[in-house]
Amino acid sequence: MQTLERSRYISDAVVTRSYDMVHAAREAELAHMEAILSRDPGWISFSLSSARWIPFSVDPSIKAAFSDPGDRNQDLAELEQWLRRAETSLFHWIIEKIVERKGRADLFRALGRGWIIIFLLRKKEQFKWWFESVDRVLSTHQADIDQLGLGAQDLQKYTTGYNCEAELVFLLKGIVPKTASSPIISIQRIAENWKQLDMWNSSEQVQEALKLPNPTDAERRAHAARAEKRKAAARRRKERSAATARASQEPELADPQDEFLQLLEELKSQVRERWITGKNTALSYPTGTVEPEML
């Protein structure tokens, strides 16, 4: 019984420590993101709880799309058309927020890879939106990933397979009231003829990315493999740097061979001293007797 209680105690301690580590990592990530946006704060959130509710009336296109009863149409083509119009109205409003001020798009891209998540309450005519890093998505949205039916290769398309210089990943939840918990995921590409393109493409790298054709799934998988390779290389460099830093802080340990040679010299000195003083005594070693050398 005592062993069982001890095992339960150890298990609870491990779970608690694991939770604390995850929480600490999340807090560190939030602090990092907020530091990036310190020059332009308040326009984007990083969690469901911190995101504010926004009424559909914030934008005429959003209001019009969700006032249209097209989602109740029995014709699949009409339903598809309504869905595209509704989600596009949300995408455009959010993207316009990202480019609302000069330099904001650069700050957004500096956040790294991640998903823009939109949660709608159709009955209350409001929605929330926020950004989560890919690492955060993979650790907390497994239920959504399962509902989307994304296998490992398909998931890569939306994590490391998209071009973050020219594309954004959106996850929508609640756009169709009857399936409020069912997510919809898509990659949206910035159009080359967009009227506010100059607010997005502030660097040659971004401009070149926008000129590229829309990639195929195979090309996205190849891009994901290259991104993973770069990420692994960066992780190894970070680990080597950390190991070097730790080594510089630790006291330098003496080389065992140097210690042995030093001891041997001390023993030889003792032998020479005995020889000089007339105490010609052999030193005993485990392998036999060694006579001192003549000076």
C-alpha atoms as a PDB file:
ATOM      1  CA  MET A   1       0.000   0.000   0.000  1.00  0.00           C
ATOM      2  CA  GLN A   2       2.827   2.363   0.881  1.00  0.00           C
ATOM      3  CA  THR A   3       4.561   1.564  -2.420  1.00  0.00           C
ATOM      4  CA  LEU A   4       1.317   2.257  -4.308  1.00  0.00           C
ATOM      5  CA  GLU A   5       0.861   5.606  -2.572  1.00  0.00           C
ATOM      6  CA  ARG A   6       4.482   6.524  -3.298  1.00  0.00           C
ATOM      7  CA  SER A   7       4.006   5.634  -6.974  1.00  0.00           C
ATOM      8  CA  ARG A   8       0.884   7.791  -7.129  1.00  0.00           C
ATOM      9  CA  TYR A   9       2.746  10.646  -5.476  1.00  0.00           C
ATOM     10  CA  ILE A  10       5.612  10.379  -7.981  1.00  0.00           C
ATOM     11  CA  SER A  11       3.146  10.226 -10.887  1.00  0.00           C
ATOM     12  CA  ASP A  12       1.286  13.318  -9.654  1.00  0.00           C
ATOM     13  CA  ALA A  13       4.584  15.139  -9.206  1.00  0.00           C
ATOM     14  CA  VAL A  14       5.636  14.293 -12.769  1.00  0.00           C
ATOM     15  CA  VAL A  15       2.290  15.498 -14.156  1.00  0.00           C
ATOM     16  CA  THR A  16       2.513  18.712 -12.151  1.00  0.00           C
ATOM     17  CA  ARG A  17       6.062  19.359 -13.313  1.00  0.00           C
ATOM     18  CA  SER A  18       5.080  18.641 -16.924  1.00  0.00           C
ATOM     19  CA  TYR A  19       2.155  21.078 -16.665  1.00  0.00           C
ATOM     20  CA  ASP A  20       4.405  23.716 -15.112  1.00  0.00           C
ATOM     21  CA  MET A  21       6.941  23.316 -17.940  1.00  0.00           C
ATOM     22  CA  VAL A  22       4.228  23.637 -20.610  1.00  0.00           C
ATOM     23  CA  HIS A  23       2.768  26.672 -18.852  1.00  0.00           C
ATOM     24  CA  ALA A  24       6.193  28.285 -18.554  1.00  0.00           C
ATOM     25  CA  ALA A  25       6.887  27.651 -22.238  1.00  0.00           C
ATOM     26  CA  ARG A  26       3.540  29.198 -23.181  1.00  0.00           C
ATOM     27  CA  GLU A  27       4.195  32.253 -21.029  1.00  0.00           C
ATOM     28  CA  ALA A  28       7.644  32.639 -22.589  1.00  0.00           C
ATOM     29  CA  GLU A  29       6.133  32.412 -26.077  1.00  0.00           C
ATOM     30  CA  LEU A  30       3.504  35.054 -25.263  1.00  0.00           C
ATOM     31  CA  ALA A  31       6.163  37.351 -23.826  1.00  0.00           C
ATOM     32  CA  HIS A  32       8.235  36.900 -26.996  1.00  0.00           C
ATOM     33  CA  MET A  33       5.278  37.720 -29.257  1.00  0.00           C
ATOM     34  CA  GLU A  34       4.275  40.741 -27.205  1.00  0.00           C
ATOM     35  CA  ALA A  35       7.872  41.977 -27.324  1.00  0.00           C
ATOM     36  CA  ILE A  36       7.821  41.730 -31.129  1.00  0.00           C
ATOM     37  CA  LEU A  37       4.635  43.831 -31.248  1.00  0.00           C
ATOM     38  CA  SER A  38       5.690  46.274 -28.537  1.00  0.00           C
ATOM     39  CA  ARG A  39       5.931  49.068 -31.128  1.00  0.00           C
ATOM     40  CA  ASP A  40       2.377  48.396 -32.347  1.00  0.00           C
ATOM     41  CA  PRO A  41       0.386  46.586 -29.617  1.00  0.00           C
ATOM     42  CA  GLY A  42      -3.298  45.847 -29.099  1.00  0.00           C
ATOM     43  CA  TRP A  43      -4.505  44.954 -32.587  1.00  0.00           C
ATOM     44  CA  ILE A  44      -3.952  41.181 -32.414  1.00  0.00           C
ATOM     45  CA  SER A  45      -4.495  38.546 -29.716  1.00  0.00           C
ATOM     46  CA  PHE A  46      -2.787  35.217 -29.075  1.00  0.00           C
ATOM     47  CA  SER A  47      -5.525  33.161 -27.393  1.00  0.00           C
ATOM     48  CA  LEU A  48      -9.278  32.639 -27.357  1.00  0.00           C
ATOM     49  CA  SER A  49      -9.576  34.094 -23.857  1.00  0.00           C
ATOM     50  CA  SER A  50      -7.710  37.314 -24.663  1.00  0.00           C
ATOM     51  CA  ALA A  51      -9.401  37.951 -28.019  1.00  0.00           C
ATOM     52  CA  ARG A  52     -12.318  40.381 -27.963  1.00  0.00           C
ATOM     53  CA  TRP A  53     -15.720  39.814 -29.535  1.00  0.00           C
ATOM     54  CA  ILE A  54     -16.231  41.716 -32.783  1.00  0.00           C
ATOM     55  CA  PRO A  55     -19.751  42.308 -34.205  1.00  0.00           C
ATOM     56  CA  PHE A  56     -20.515  41.355 -37.798  1.00  0.00           C
ATOM     57  CA  SER A  57     -21.522  44.991 -38.303  1.00  0.00           C
ATOM     58  CA  VAL A  58     -17.831  46.003 -38.086  1.00  0.00           C
ATOM     59  CA  ASP A  59     -17.686  45.580 -41.869  1.00  0.00           C
ATOM     60  CA  PRO A  60     -20.477  45.847 -44.480  1.00  0.00           C
ATOM     61  CA  SER A  61     -19.177  42.810 -46.403  1.00  0.00           C
ATOM     62  CA  ILE A  62     -19.226  40.609 -43.293  1.00  0.00           C
ATOM     63  CA  LYS A  63     -22.681  41.867 -42.316  1.00  0.00           C
ATOM     64  CA  ALA A  64     -24.064  41.261 -45.792  1.00  0.00           C
ATOM     65  CA  ALA A  65     -22.540  37.797 -46.117  1.00  0.00           C
ATOM     66  CA  PHE A  66     -23.944  36.516 -42.843  1.00  0.00           C
ATOM     67  CA  SER A  67     -27.324  38.167 -43.355  1.00  0.00           C
ATOM     68  CA  ASP A  68     -27.695  36.124 -46.518  1.00  0.00           C
ATOM     69  CA  PRO A  69     -29.554  32.834 -45.810  1.00  0.00           C
ATOM     70  CA  GLY A  70     -27.384  31.077 -48.387  1.00  0.00           C
ATOM     71  CA  ASP A  71     -26.090  28.593 -45.794  1.00  0.00           C
ATOM     72  CA  ARG A  72     -29.583  27.057 -45.703  1.00  0.00           C
ATOM     73  CA  ASN A  73     -29.620  26.460 -49.446  1.00  0.00           C
ATOM     74  CA  GLN A  74     -30.049  22.817 -50.444  1.00  0.00           C
ATOM     75  CA  ASP A  75     -28.123  23.319 -53.666  1.00  0.00           C
ATOM     76  CA  LEU A  76     -24.486  22.408 -53.018  1.00  0.00           C
ATOM     77  CA  ALA A  77     -23.161  24.838 -55.614  1.00  0.00           C
ATOM     78  CA  GLU A  78     -25.120  27.706 -54.059  1.00  0.00           C
ATOM     79  CA  LEU A  79     -24.014  26.659 -50.585  1.00  0.00           C
ATOM     80  CA  GLU A  80     -20.375  26.558 -51.707  1.00  0.00           C
ATOM     81  CA  GLN A  81     -20.722  30.013 -53.228  1.00  0.00           C
ATOM     82  CA  TRP A  82     -22.180  31.422 -49.998  1.00  0.00           C
ATOM     83  CA  LEU A  83     -19.435  29.797 -47.913  1.00  0.00           C
ATOM     84  CA  ARG A  84     -16.695  31.330 -50.061  1.00  0.00           C
ATOM     85  CA  ARG A  85     -18.298  34.770 -49.842  1.00  0.00           C
ATOM     86  CA  ALA A  86     -18.720  34.555 -46.055  1.00  0.00           C
ATOM     87  CA  GLU A  87     -15.220  33.331 -45.255  1.00  0.00           C
ATOM     88  CA  THR A  88     -13.614  35.712 -47.740  1.00  0.00           C
ATOM     89  CA  SER A  89     -15.280  38.665 -46.036  1.00  0.00           C
ATOM     90  CA  LEU A  90     -13.617  37.631 -42.758  1.00  0.00           C
ATOM     91  CA  PHE A  91     -10.248  36.942 -44.372  1.00  0.00           C
ATOM     92  CA  HIS A  92     -10.164  40.331 -46.093  1.00  0.00           C
ATOM     93  CA  TRP A  93     -11.097  42.222 -42.931  1.00  0.00           C
ATOM     94  CA  ILE A  94      -8.330  40.516 -40.922  1.00  0.00           C
ATOM     95  CA  ILE A  95      -5.698  40.944 -43.638  1.00  0.00           C
ATOM     96  CA  GLU A  96      -6.575  44.630 -43.889  1.00  0.00           C
ATOM     97  CA  LYS A  97      -5.965  44.876 -40.143  1.00  0.00           C
ATOM     98  CA  ILE A  98      -2.520  43.339 -40.667  1.00  0.00           C
ATOM     99  CA  VAL A  99      -1.612  46.007 -43.237  1.00  0.00           C
ATOM    100  CA  GLU A 100      -3.501  48.864 -41.594  1.00  0.00           C
ATOM    101  CA  ARG A 101      -0.278  50.581 -40.530  1.00  0.00           C
ATOM    102  CA  LYS A 102       3.069  50.782 -42.285  1.00  0.00           C
ATOM    103  CA  GLY A 103       5.450  48.097 -40.994  1.00  0.00           C
ATOM    104  CA  ARG A 104       2.726  46.072 -39.271  1.00  0.00           C
ATOM    105  CA  ALA A 105       2.920  43.262 -41.840  1.00  0.00           C
ATOM    106  CA  ASP A 106       6.642  42.923 -41.071  1.00  0.00           C
ATOM    107  CA  LEU A 107       5.853  42.552 -37.380  1.00  0.00           C
ATOM    108  CA  PHE A 108       3.186  39.961 -38.169  1.00  0.00           C
ATOM    109  CA  ARG A 109       5.613  37.876 -40.233  1.00  0.00           C
ATOM    110  CA  ALA A 110       8.187  38.213 -37.432  1.00  0.00           C
ATOM    111  CA  LEU A 111       5.817  36.202 -35.217  1.00  0.00           C
ATOM    112  CA  GLY A 112       6.794  33.151 -37.262  1.00  0.00           C
ATOM    113  CA  ARG A 113       4.689  30.351 -38.625  1.00  0.00           C
ATOM    114  CA  GLY A 114       1.224  29.956 -37.205  1.00  0.00           C
ATOM    115  CA  TRP A 115      -2.525  29.903 -37.792  1.00  0.00           C
ATOM    116  CA  ILE A 116      -5.066  32.702 -37.659  1.00  0.00           C
ATOM    117  CA  ILE A 117      -8.026  31.172 -35.843  1.00  0.00           C
ATOM    118  CA  ILE A 118     -11.540  32.591 -36.245  1.00  0.00           C
ATOM    119  CA  PHE A 119     -14.370  31.545 -33.922  1.00  0.00           C
ATOM    120  CA  LEU A 120     -17.915  32.639 -34.793  1.00  0.00           C
ATOM    121  CA  LEU A 121     -21.154  32.847 -32.812  1.00  0.00           C
ATOM    122  CA  ARG A 122     -23.701  33.120 -35.591  1.00  0.00           C
ATOM    123  CA  LYS A 123     -26.706  33.606 -33.287  1.00  0.00           C
ATOM    124  CA  LYS A 124     -25.053  36.602 -31.611  1.00  0.00           C
ATOM    125  CA  GLU A 125     -23.605  37.865 -34.892  1.00  0.00           C
ATOM    126  CA  GLN A 126     -20.078  38.184 -33.590  1.00  0.00           C
ATOM    127  CA  PHE A 127     -16.664  36.580 -33.925  1.00  0.00           C
ATOM    128  CA  LYS A 128     -13.210  36.417 -32.375  1.00  0.00           C
ATOM    129  CA  TRP A 129      -9.877  36.035 -34.088  1.00  0.00           C
ATOM    130  CA  TRP A 130      -6.365  35.436 -32.805  1.00  0.00           C
ATOM    131  CA  PHE A 131      -2.976  34.057 -33.828  1.00  0.00           C
ATOM    132  CA  GLU A 132      -1.288  30.908 -32.514  1.00  0.00           C
ATOM    133  CA  SER A 133       2.169  29.623 -33.389  1.00  0.00           C
ATOM    134  CA  VAL A 134       2.524  26.275 -35.140  1.00  0.00           C
ATOM    135  CA  ASP A 135       4.012  24.737 -31.982  1.00  0.00           C
ATOM    136  CA  ARG A 136       1.035  25.956 -29.976  1.00  0.00           C
ATOM    137  CA  VAL A 137      -1.410  24.651 -32.591  1.00  0.00           C
ATOM    138  CA  LEU A 138       0.177  21.205 -32.606  1.00  0.00           C
ATOM    139  CA  SER A 139       0.086  20.962 -28.807  1.00  0.00           C
ATOM    140  CA  THR A 140      -3.449  22.257 -28.159  1.00  0.00           C
ATOM    141  CA  HIS A 141      -5.542  21.745 -31.311  1.00  0.00           C
ATOM    142  CA  GLN A 142      -5.215  18.011 -31.845  1.00  0.00           C
ATOM    143  CA  ALA A 143      -9.019  17.638 -31.715  1.00  0.00           C
ATOM    144  CA  ASP A 144      -9.389  20.128 -34.586  1.00  0.00           C
ATOM    145  CA  ILE A 145      -6.619  18.399 -36.540  1.00  0.00           C
ATOM    146  CA  ASP A 146      -8.388  15.050 -36.080  1.00  0.00           C
ATOM    147  CA  GLN A 147     -11.721  16.517 -37.188  1.00  0.00           C
ATOM    148  CA  LEU A 148     -10.069  17.933 -40.282  1.00  0.00           C
ATOM    149  CA  GLY A 149      -8.757  14.448 -41.043  1.00  0.00           C
ATOM    150  CA  LEU A 150      -5.217  15.692 -41.555  1.00  0.00           C
ATOM    151  CA  GLY A 151      -2.553  13.007 -41.619  1.00  0.00           C
ATOM    152  CA  ALA A 152       1.103  13.776 -40.982  1.00  0.00           C
ATOM    153  CA  GLN A 153       1.866  14.741 -44.596  1.00  0.00           C
ATOM    154  CA  ASP A 154      -1.338  16.734 -45.071  1.00  0.00           C
ATOM    155  CA  LEU A 155      -0.738  18.579 -41.801  1.00  0.00           C
ATOM    156  CA  GLN A 156       2.708  19.667 -42.993  1.00  0.00           C
ATOM    157  CA  LYS A 157       1.002  21.585 -45.784  1.00  0.00           C
ATOM    158  CA  TYR A 158      -0.489  23.940 -43.165  1.00  0.00           C
ATOM    159  CA  THR A 159       2.473  24.121 -40.787  1.00  0.00           C
ATOM    160  CA  THR A 160       5.794  24.180 -42.630  1.00  0.00           C
ATOM    161  CA  GLY A 161       4.576  23.745 -46.216  1.00  0.00           C
ATOM    162  CA  TYR A 162       3.070  27.164 -46.798  1.00  0.00           C
ATOM    163  CA  ASN A 163       5.051  30.238 -47.805  1.00  0.00           C
ATOM    164  CA  CYS A 164       4.724  32.653 -44.897  1.00  0.00           C
ATOM    165  CA  GLU A 165       6.039  35.510 -47.051  1.00  0.00           C
ATOM    166  CA  ALA A 166       3.022  35.302 -49.365  1.00  0.00           C
ATOM    167  CA  GLU A 167       0.418  33.096 -47.668  1.00  0.00           C
ATOM    168  CA  LEU A 168      -1.618  32.875 -44.464  1.00  0.00           C
ATOM    169  CA  VAL A 169      -3.318  29.895 -42.832  1.00  0.00           C
ATOM    170  CA  PHE A 170      -6.856  30.378 -41.492  1.00  0.00           C
ATOM    171  CA  LEU A 171      -8.824  28.005 -39.260  1.00  0.00           C
ATOM    172  CA  LEU A 172     -12.554  28.788 -39.027  1.00  0.00           C
ATOM    173  CA  LYS A 173     -14.907  27.395 -36.414  1.00  0.00           C
ATOM    174  CA  GLY A 174     -18.651  27.980 -36.238  1.00  0.00           C
ATOM    175  CA  ILE A 175     -19.222  29.380 -39.710  1.00  0.00           C
ATOM    176  CA  VAL A 176     -22.076  26.903 -40.241  1.00  0.00           C
ATOM    177  CA  PRO A 177     -24.349  26.927 -37.139  1.00  0.00           C
ATOM    178  CA  LYS A 178     -25.295  23.248 -37.269  1.00  0.00           C
ATOM    179  CA  THR A 179     -21.645  22.228 -37.220  1.00  0.00           C
ATOM    180  CA  ALA A 180     -20.234  24.903 -34.958  1.00  0.00           C
ATOM    181  CA  SER A 181     -17.481  22.639 -33.658  1.00  0.00           C
ATOM    182  CA  SER A 182     -16.395  21.497 -37.135  1.00  0.00           C
ATOM    183  CA  PRO A 183     -13.339  23.449 -38.316  1.00  0.00           C
ATOM    184  CA  ILE A 184     -12.535  24.567 -41.839  1.00  0.00           C
ATOM    185  CA  ILE A 185      -8.914  25.195 -42.794  1.00  0.00           C
ATOM    186  CA  SER A 186      -7.495  27.014 -45.803  1.00  0.00           C
ATOM    187  CA  ILE A 187      -4.382  28.713 -47.126  1.00  0.00           C
ATOM    188  CA  GLN A 188      -4.963  32.215 -48.488  1.00  0.00           C
ATOM    189  CA  ARG A 189      -2.456  33.764 -50.871  1.00  0.00           C
ATOM    190  CA  ILE A 190      -1.847  37.488 -51.194  1.00  0.00           C
ATOM    191  CA  ALA A 191      -2.817  38.565 -54.738  1.00  0.00           C
ATOM    192  CA  GLU A 192      -0.214  40.343 -56.872  1.00  0.00           C
ATOM    193  CA  ASN A 193      -2.793  42.945 -57.962  1.00  0.00           C
ATOM    194  CA  TRP A 194      -4.143  43.675 -54.483  1.00  0.00           C
ATOM    195  CA  LYS A 195      -4.745  47.378 -53.999  1.00  0.00           C
ATOM    196  CA  GLN A 196      -2.810  47.431 -50.705  1.00  0.00           C
ATOM    197  CA  LEU A 197       0.045  45.234 -51.870  1.00  0.00           C
ATOM    198  CA  ASP A 198       2.643  47.883 -51.099  1.00  0.00           C
ATOM    199  CA  MET A 199       1.719  47.622 -47.387  1.00  0.00           C
ATOM    200  CA  TRP A 200       2.543  43.890 -47.436  1.00  0.00           C
ATOM    201  CA  ASN A 201       5.640  43.498 -49.630  1.00  0.00           C
ATOM    202  CA  SER A 202       8.211  45.671 -47.891  1.00  0.00           C
ATOM    203  CA  SER A 203      11.245  43.565 -48.854  1.00  0.00           C
ATOM    204  CA  GLU A 204      12.696  41.975 -51.978  1.00  0.00           C
ATOM    205  CA  GLN A 205      12.279  38.535 -50.401  1.00  0.00           C
ATOM    206  CA  VAL A 206       8.531  39.092 -49.979  1.00  0.00           C
ATOM    207  CA  GLN A 207       8.238  40.537 -53.492  1.00  0.00           C
ATOM    208  CA  GLU A 208       9.949  37.468 -54.969  1.00  0.00           C
ATOM    209  CA  ALA A 209       7.687  35.145 -52.964  1.00  0.00           C
ATOM    210  CA  LEU A 210       4.595  36.879 -54.321  1.00  0.00           C
ATOM    211  CA  LYS A 211       5.789  36.305 -57.898  1.00  0.00           C
ATOM    212  CA  LEU A 212       5.987  32.551 -57.414  1.00  0.00           C
ATOM    213  CA  PRO A 213       3.121  30.438 -58.812  1.00  0.00           C
ATOM    214  CA  ASN A 214       0.694  28.784 -56.440  1.00  0.00           C
ATOM    215  CA  PRO A 215       2.559  25.645 -55.251  1.00  0.00           C
ATOM    216  CA  THR A 216       1.254  22.114 -55.675  1.00  0.00           C
ATOM    217  CA  ASP A 217       0.855  19.767 -52.707  1.00  0.00           C
ATOM    218  CA  ALA A 218       4.070  17.990 -53.723  1.00  0.00           C
ATOM    219  CA  GLU A 219       5.936  21.308 -53.751  1.00  0.00           C
ATOM    220  CA  ARG A 220       4.485  22.174 -50.347  1.00  0.00           C
ATOM    221  CA  ARG A 221       5.733  18.844 -48.963  1.00  0.00           C
ATOM    222  CA  ALA A 222       9.203  19.580 -50.369  1.00  0.00           C
ATOM    223  CA  HIS A 223       9.094  23.061 -48.851  1.00  0.00           C
ATOM    224  CA  ALA A 224       8.051  21.527 -45.507  1.00  0.00           C
ATOM    225  CA  ALA A 225      10.972  19.091 -45.630  1.00  0.00           C
ATOM    226  CA  ARG A 226      13.418  21.953 -46.247  1.00  0.00           C
ATOM    227  CA  ALA A 227      11.873  23.978 -43.425  1.00  0.00           C
ATOM    228  CA  GLU A 228      12.143  21.037 -41.031  1.00  0.00           C
ATOM    229  CA  LYS A 229      15.779  20.548 -42.047  1.00  0.00           C
ATOM    230  CA  ARG A 230      16.546  24.216 -41.336  1.00  0.00           C
ATOM    231  CA  LYS A 231      14.695  24.008 -38.019  1.00  0.00           C
ATOM    232  CA  ALA A 232      16.682  20.921 -36.989  1.00  0.00           C
ATOM    233  CA  ALA A 233      19.960  22.618 -37.952  1.00  0.00           C
ATOM    234  CA  ALA A 234      19.020  25.699 -35.936  1.00  0.00           C
ATOM    235  CA  ARG A 235      18.134  23.493 -32.958  1.00  0.00           C
ATOM    236  CA  ARG A 236      21.511  21.751 -33.158  1.00  0.00           C
ATOM    237  CA  ARG A 237      23.318  25.097 -33.292  1.00  0.00           C
ATOM    238  CA  LYS A 238      21.372  26.268 -30.264  1.00  0.00           C
ATOM    239  CA  GLU A 239      22.224  23.077 -28.355  1.00  0.00           C
ATOM    240  CA  ARG A 240      25.926  23.401 -29.235  1.00  0.00           C
ATOM    241  CA  SER A 241      25.914  27.035 -28.153  1.00  0.00           C
ATOM    242  CA  ALA A 242      24.234  26.128 -24.860  1.00  0.00           C
ATOM    243  CA  ALA A 243      26.736  23.306 -24.281  1.00  0.00           C
ATOM    244  CA  THR A 244      29.630  25.689 -24.945  1.00  0.00           C
ATOM    245  CA  ALA A 245      28.175  28.237 -22.523  1.00  0.00           C
ATOM    246  CA  ARG A 246      27.756  25.594 -19.830  1.00  0.00           C
ATOM    247  CA  ALA A 247      31.308  24.347 -20.347  1.00  0.00           C
ATOM    248  CA  SER A 248      32.697  27.863 -19.952  1.00  0.00           C
ATOM    249  CA  GLN A 249      30.914  28.223 -16.624  1.00  0.00           C
ATOM    250  CA  GLU A 250      31.974  24.844 -15.196  1.00  0.00           C
ATOM    251  CA  PRO A 251      35.337  24.513 -13.374  1.00  0.00           C
ATOM    252  CA  GLU A 252      37.996  23.008 -15.607  1.00  0.00           C
ATOM    253  CA  LEU A 253      38.730  19.402 -14.646  1.00  0.00           C
ATOM    254  CA  ALA A 254      42.316  18.219 -14.596  1.00  0.00           C
ATOM    255  CA  ASP A 255      43.348  15.693 -17.200  1.00  0.00           C
ATOM    256  CA  PRO A 256      43.831  12.280 -15.467  1.00  0.00           C
ATOM    257  CA  GLN A 257      46.905  11.650 -17.615  1.00  0.00           C
ATOM    258  CA  ASP A 258      48.449  14.963 -16.513  1.00  0.00           C
ATOM    259  CA  GLU A 259      47.761  14.063 -12.882  1.00  0.00           C
ATOM    260  CA  PHE A 260      49.460  10.685 -13.361  1.00  0.00           C
ATOM    261  CA  LEU A 261      52.549  12.241 -14.959  1.00  0.00           C
ATOM    262  CA  GLN A 262      52.767  14.788 -12.157  1.00  0.00           C
ATOM    263  CA  LEU A 263      52.539  12.021  -9.551  1.00  0.00           C
ATOM    264  CA  LEU A 264      55.213  10.045 -11.383  1.00  0.00           C
ATOM    265  CA  GLU A 265      57.566  13.029 -11.326  1.00  0.00           C
ATOM    266  CA  GLU A 266      56.962  13.451  -7.593  1.00  0.00           C
ATOM    267  CA  LEU A 267      57.795   9.800  -7.011  1.00  0.00           C
ATOM    268  CA  LYS A 268      60.959  10.112  -9.091  1.00  0.00           C
ATOM    269  CA  SER A 269      61.981  13.120  -7.022  1.00  0.00           C
ATOM    270  CA  GLN A 270      61.540  11.105  -3.881  1.00  0.00           C
ATOM    271  CA  VAL A 271      63.700   8.328  -5.357  1.00  0.00           C
ATOM    272  CA  ARG A 272      66.442  10.752  -6.342  1.00  0.00           C
ATOM    273  CA  GLU A 273      66.394  12.266  -2.875  1.00  0.00           C
ATOM    274  CA  ARG A 274      66.757   8.857  -1.283  1.00  0.00           C
ATOM    275  CA  TRP A 275      69.658   7.999  -3.654  1.00  0.00           C
ATOM    276  CA  ILE A 276      71.488  11.192  -2.814  1.00  0.00           C
ATOM    277  CA  THR A 277      71.028  10.704   0.940  1.00  0.00           C
ATOM    278  CA  GLY A 278      72.230   7.127   0.746  1.00  0.00           C
ATOM    279  CA  LYS A 279      68.792   5.605   1.152  1.00  0.00           C
ATOM    280  CA  ASN A 280      68.940   3.525  -2.011  1.00  0.00           C
ATOM    281  CA  THR A 281      65.452   2.069  -1.573  1.00  0.00           C
ATOM    282  CA  ALA A 282      63.458   0.614  -4.474  1.00  0.00           C
ATOM    283  CA  LEU A 283      59.875   1.847  -4.958  1.00  0.00           C
ATOM    284  CA  SER A 284      57.320  -0.887  -4.977  1.00  0.00           C
ATOM    285  CA  TYR A 285      54.645  -0.817  -7.676  1.00  0.00           C
ATOM    286  CA  PRO A 286      51.827  -3.302  -8.156  1.00  0.00           C
ATOM    287  CA  THR A 287      53.634  -4.819 -11.144  1.00  0.00           C
ATOM    288  CA  GLY A 288      56.970  -5.315  -9.354  1.00  0.00           C
ATOM    289  CA  THR A 289      60.002  -3.374  -8.189  1.00  0.00           C
ATOM    290  CA  VAL A 290      61.476  -0.465 -10.072  1.00  0.00           C
ATOM    291  CA  GLU A 291      65.037   0.573  -9.215  1.00  0.00           C
ATOM    292  CA  PRO A 292      65.741   4.314  -9.161  1.00  0.00           C
ATOM    293  CA  GLU A 293      67.817   5.721 -11.979  1.00  0.00           C
ATOM    294  CA  MET A 294      71.340   6.896 -11.272  1.00  0.00           C
ATOM    295  CA  LEU A 295      71.676  10.683 -11.217  1.00  0.00           C
END
